[in-house]
Amino acid sequence: MGDKVIEDRAVQAEGAGARKKPGRRPMTPEEKMAAAQARAAEKEKASNLKPELFIQYQGEETDLDTLVELAKTHFRAEKKRTPVTGLRLYIKPEERTAYYVVNDKYKGQVSF
């Protein structure tokens, strides 16, 4: 009797595999190309992500990009011909001051 049950289940499994499963229709080559381009554009955007950074202290808010531009402008006012290839910014919100180091050589500070 055990062999009969196994055979019946095998026949049922073969019959179930013959039916088509519901699902998505296959994509055309044009749709595949458009989907690939959309994924590539999204990956490019993700890899070039530049977060917006804000500093909040005692009810005041300052954008980090603004501080970076202030530091660059202050540095360029002093050293007009020196290109900025590196910039480190140290922020002390309690003093409302940002200290910067440009090209690991020049130091300065800006108030915000």
C-alpha atoms as a PDB file:
ATOM      1  CA  MET A   1       0.000   0.000   0.000  1.00  0.00           C
ATOM      2  CA  GLY A   2       2.928   2.380   0.651  1.00  0.00           C
ATOM      3  CA  ASP A   3       4.161   2.021  -2.950  1.00  0.00           C
ATOM      4  CA  LYS A   4       0.720   2.965  -4.304  1.00  0.00           C
ATOM      5  CA  VAL A   5       0.667   6.231  -2.282  1.00  0.00           C
ATOM      6  CA  ILE A   6       4.148   7.174  -3.505  1.00  0.00           C
ATOM      7  CA  GLU A   7       3.154   6.579  -7.140  1.00  0.00           C
ATOM      8  CA  ASP A   8      -0.025   8.668  -6.757  1.00  0.00           C
ATOM      9  CA  ARG A   9       1.972  11.572  -5.318  1.00  0.00           C
ATOM     10  CA  ALA A  10       4.523  11.339  -8.146  1.00  0.00           C
ATOM     11  CA  VAL A  11       1.727  11.499 -10.739  1.00  0.00           C
ATOM     12  CA  GLN A  12       0.172  14.485  -8.953  1.00  0.00           C
ATOM     13  CA  ALA A  13       3.524  16.310  -8.876  1.00  0.00           C
ATOM     14  CA  GLU A  14       4.008  15.797 -12.634  1.00  0.00           C
ATOM     15  CA  GLY A  15       0.520  17.106 -13.339  1.00  0.00           C
ATOM     16  CA  ALA A  16       1.093  20.180 -11.162  1.00  0.00           C
ATOM     17  CA  GLY A  17       4.296  21.043 -13.052  1.00  0.00           C
ATOM     18  CA  ALA A  18       2.459  21.047 -16.388  1.00  0.00           C
ATOM     19  CA  ARG A  19       0.221  23.961 -15.371  1.00  0.00           C
ATOM     20  CA  LYS A  20       1.466  27.492 -15.972  1.00  0.00           C
ATOM     21  CA  LYS A  21       2.070  29.548 -12.889  1.00  0.00           C
ATOM     22  CA  PRO A  22       0.623  33.046 -12.791  1.00  0.00           C
ATOM     23  CA  GLY A  23       3.206  35.828 -12.761  1.00  0.00           C
ATOM     24  CA  ARG A  24       4.755  38.633 -14.740  1.00  0.00           C
ATOM     25  CA  ARG A  25       4.985  38.484 -18.460  1.00  0.00           C
ATOM     26  CA  PRO A  26       8.495  38.362 -19.928  1.00  0.00           C
ATOM     27  CA  MET A  27      10.095  41.732 -20.673  1.00  0.00           C
ATOM     28  CA  THR A  28      10.823  42.803 -24.229  1.00  0.00           C
ATOM     29  CA  PRO A  29      14.419  43.721 -25.102  1.00  0.00           C
ATOM     30  CA  GLU A  30      13.449  47.411 -25.137  1.00  0.00           C
ATOM     31  CA  GLU A  31      11.917  47.126 -21.671  1.00  0.00           C
ATOM     32  CA  LYS A  32      15.006  45.319 -20.392  1.00  0.00           C
ATOM     33  CA  MET A  33      17.237  48.075 -21.786  1.00  0.00           C
ATOM     34  CA  ALA A  34      15.086  50.820 -20.214  1.00  0.00           C
ATOM     35  CA  ALA A  35      15.079  49.028 -16.848  1.00  0.00           C
ATOM     36  CA  ALA A  36      18.865  48.579 -16.984  1.00  0.00           C
ATOM     37  CA  GLN A  37      19.348  52.279 -17.756  1.00  0.00           C
ATOM     38  CA  ALA A  38      17.055  53.253 -14.879  1.00  0.00           C
ATOM     39  CA  ARG A  39      19.016  51.003 -12.482  1.00  0.00           C
ATOM     40  CA  ALA A  40      22.319  52.430 -13.751  1.00  0.00           C
ATOM     41  CA  ALA A  41      21.087  56.000 -13.235  1.00  0.00           C
ATOM     42  CA  GLU A  42      19.946  55.159  -9.710  1.00  0.00           C
ATOM     43  CA  LYS A  43      23.314  53.526  -8.895  1.00  0.00           C
ATOM     44  CA  GLU A  44      25.143  56.587 -10.246  1.00  0.00           C
ATOM     45  CA  LYS A  45      23.025  58.875  -8.090  1.00  0.00           C
ATOM     46  CA  ALA A  46      23.635  56.692  -5.032  1.00  0.00           C
ATOM     47  CA  SER A  47      27.403  56.552  -5.572  1.00  0.00           C
ATOM     48  CA  ASN A  48      27.601  60.350  -5.905  1.00  0.00           C
ATOM     49  CA  LEU A  49      25.467  61.004  -2.841  1.00  0.00           C
ATOM     50  CA  LYS A  50      26.401  64.162  -1.027  1.00  0.00           C
ATOM     51  CA  PRO A  51      24.544  64.376   2.269  1.00  0.00           C
ATOM     52  CA  GLU A  52      23.275  67.665   3.606  1.00  0.00           C
ATOM     53  CA  LEU A  53      24.847  68.284   6.996  1.00  0.00           C
ATOM     54  CA  PHE A  54      23.570  70.764   9.552  1.00  0.00           C
ATOM     55  CA  ILE A  55      24.942  71.802  12.914  1.00  0.00           C
ATOM     56  CA  GLN A  56      22.373  72.697  15.544  1.00  0.00           C
ATOM     57  CA  TYR A  57      23.380  74.259  18.835  1.00  0.00           C
ATOM     58  CA  GLN A  58      21.309  76.263  21.320  1.00  0.00           C
ATOM     59  CA  GLY A  59      18.505  76.980  18.873  1.00  0.00           C
ATOM     60  CA  GLU A  60      20.821  78.015  16.029  1.00  0.00           C
ATOM     61  CA  GLU A  61      21.331  76.045  12.828  1.00  0.00           C
ATOM     62  CA  THR A  62      24.174  76.283  10.325  1.00  0.00           C
ATOM     63  CA  ASP A  63      24.650  74.424   7.077  1.00  0.00           C
ATOM     64  CA  LEU A  64      28.036  72.715   6.731  1.00  0.00           C
ATOM     65  CA  ASP A  65      28.298  73.655   3.034  1.00  0.00           C
ATOM     66  CA  THR A  66      28.025  77.312   4.043  1.00  0.00           C
ATOM     67  CA  LEU A  67      30.891  76.902   6.488  1.00  0.00           C
ATOM     68  CA  VAL A  68      33.036  75.198   3.854  1.00  0.00           C
ATOM     69  CA  GLU A  69      32.433  78.071   1.417  1.00  0.00           C
ATOM     70  CA  LEU A  70      33.205  80.630   4.150  1.00  0.00           C
ATOM     71  CA  ALA A  71      36.500  78.875   4.919  1.00  0.00           C
ATOM     72  CA  LYS A  72      37.461  78.711   1.231  1.00  0.00           C
ATOM     73  CA  THR A  73      36.580  82.375   0.698  1.00  0.00           C
ATOM     74  CA  HIS A  74      38.558  83.417   3.783  1.00  0.00           C
ATOM     75  CA  PHE A  75      41.566  81.379   2.651  1.00  0.00           C
ATOM     76  CA  ARG A  76      41.444  82.726  -0.904  1.00  0.00           C
ATOM     77  CA  ALA A  77      41.369  86.278   0.425  1.00  0.00           C
ATOM     78  CA  GLU A  78      44.731  85.620   2.098  1.00  0.00           C
ATOM     79  CA  LYS A  79      46.378  83.238  -0.411  1.00  0.00           C
ATOM     80  CA  LYS A  80      44.974  84.064  -3.841  1.00  0.00           C
ATOM     81  CA  ARG A  81      47.233  81.856  -5.937  1.00  0.00           C
ATOM     82  CA  THR A  82      47.261  78.726  -3.789  1.00  0.00           C
ATOM     83  CA  PRO A  83      44.761  76.081  -4.981  1.00  0.00           C
ATOM     84  CA  VAL A  84      42.664  74.330  -2.322  1.00  0.00           C
ATOM     85  CA  THR A  85      43.411  70.621  -2.676  1.00  0.00           C
ATOM     86  CA  GLY A  86      42.513  69.609   0.863  1.00  0.00           C
ATOM     87  CA  LEU A  87      40.318  71.113   3.545  1.00  0.00           C
ATOM     88  CA  ARG A  88      39.698  70.012   7.119  1.00  0.00           C
ATOM     89  CA  LEU A  89      37.081  71.854   9.122  1.00  0.00           C
ATOM     90  CA  TYR A  90      36.867  71.835  12.930  1.00  0.00           C
ATOM     91  CA  ILE A  91      33.648  73.319  14.257  1.00  0.00           C
ATOM     92  CA  LYS A  92      33.173  74.697  17.777  1.00  0.00           C
ATOM     93  CA  PRO A  93      29.520  75.674  18.008  1.00  0.00           C
ATOM     94  CA  GLU A  94      29.882  77.005  21.566  1.00  0.00           C
ATOM     95  CA  GLU A  95      32.313  79.624  20.186  1.00  0.00           C
ATOM     96  CA  ARG A  96      30.367  80.002  16.903  1.00  0.00           C
ATOM     97  CA  THR A  97      33.691  79.483  15.126  1.00  0.00           C
ATOM     98  CA  ALA A  98      34.966  77.067  12.499  1.00  0.00           C
ATOM     99  CA  TYR A  99      38.694  76.412  12.358  1.00  0.00           C
ATOM    100  CA  TYR A 100      40.136  75.166   9.080  1.00  0.00           C
ATOM    101  CA  VAL A 101      43.328  73.652   7.734  1.00  0.00           C
ATOM    102  CA  VAL A 102      43.955  73.943   4.007  1.00  0.00           C
ATOM    103  CA  ASN A 103      46.383  71.619   2.219  1.00  0.00           C
ATOM    104  CA  ASP A 104      47.724  70.412   5.622  1.00  0.00           C
ATOM    105  CA  LYS A 105      49.701  73.651   5.774  1.00  0.00           C
ATOM    106  CA  TYR A 106      47.607  76.791   6.198  1.00  0.00           C
ATOM    107  CA  LYS A 107      45.377  77.423   9.224  1.00  0.00           C
ATOM    108  CA  GLY A 108      42.604  79.893   9.813  1.00  0.00           C
ATOM    109  CA  GLN A 109      39.233  80.479  11.385  1.00  0.00           C
ATOM    110  CA  VAL A 110      35.862  81.903  10.419  1.00  0.00           C
ATOM    111  CA  SER A 111      32.933  82.950  12.558  1.00  0.00           C
ATOM    112  CA  PHE A 112      29.385  81.960  11.757  1.00  0.00           C
END
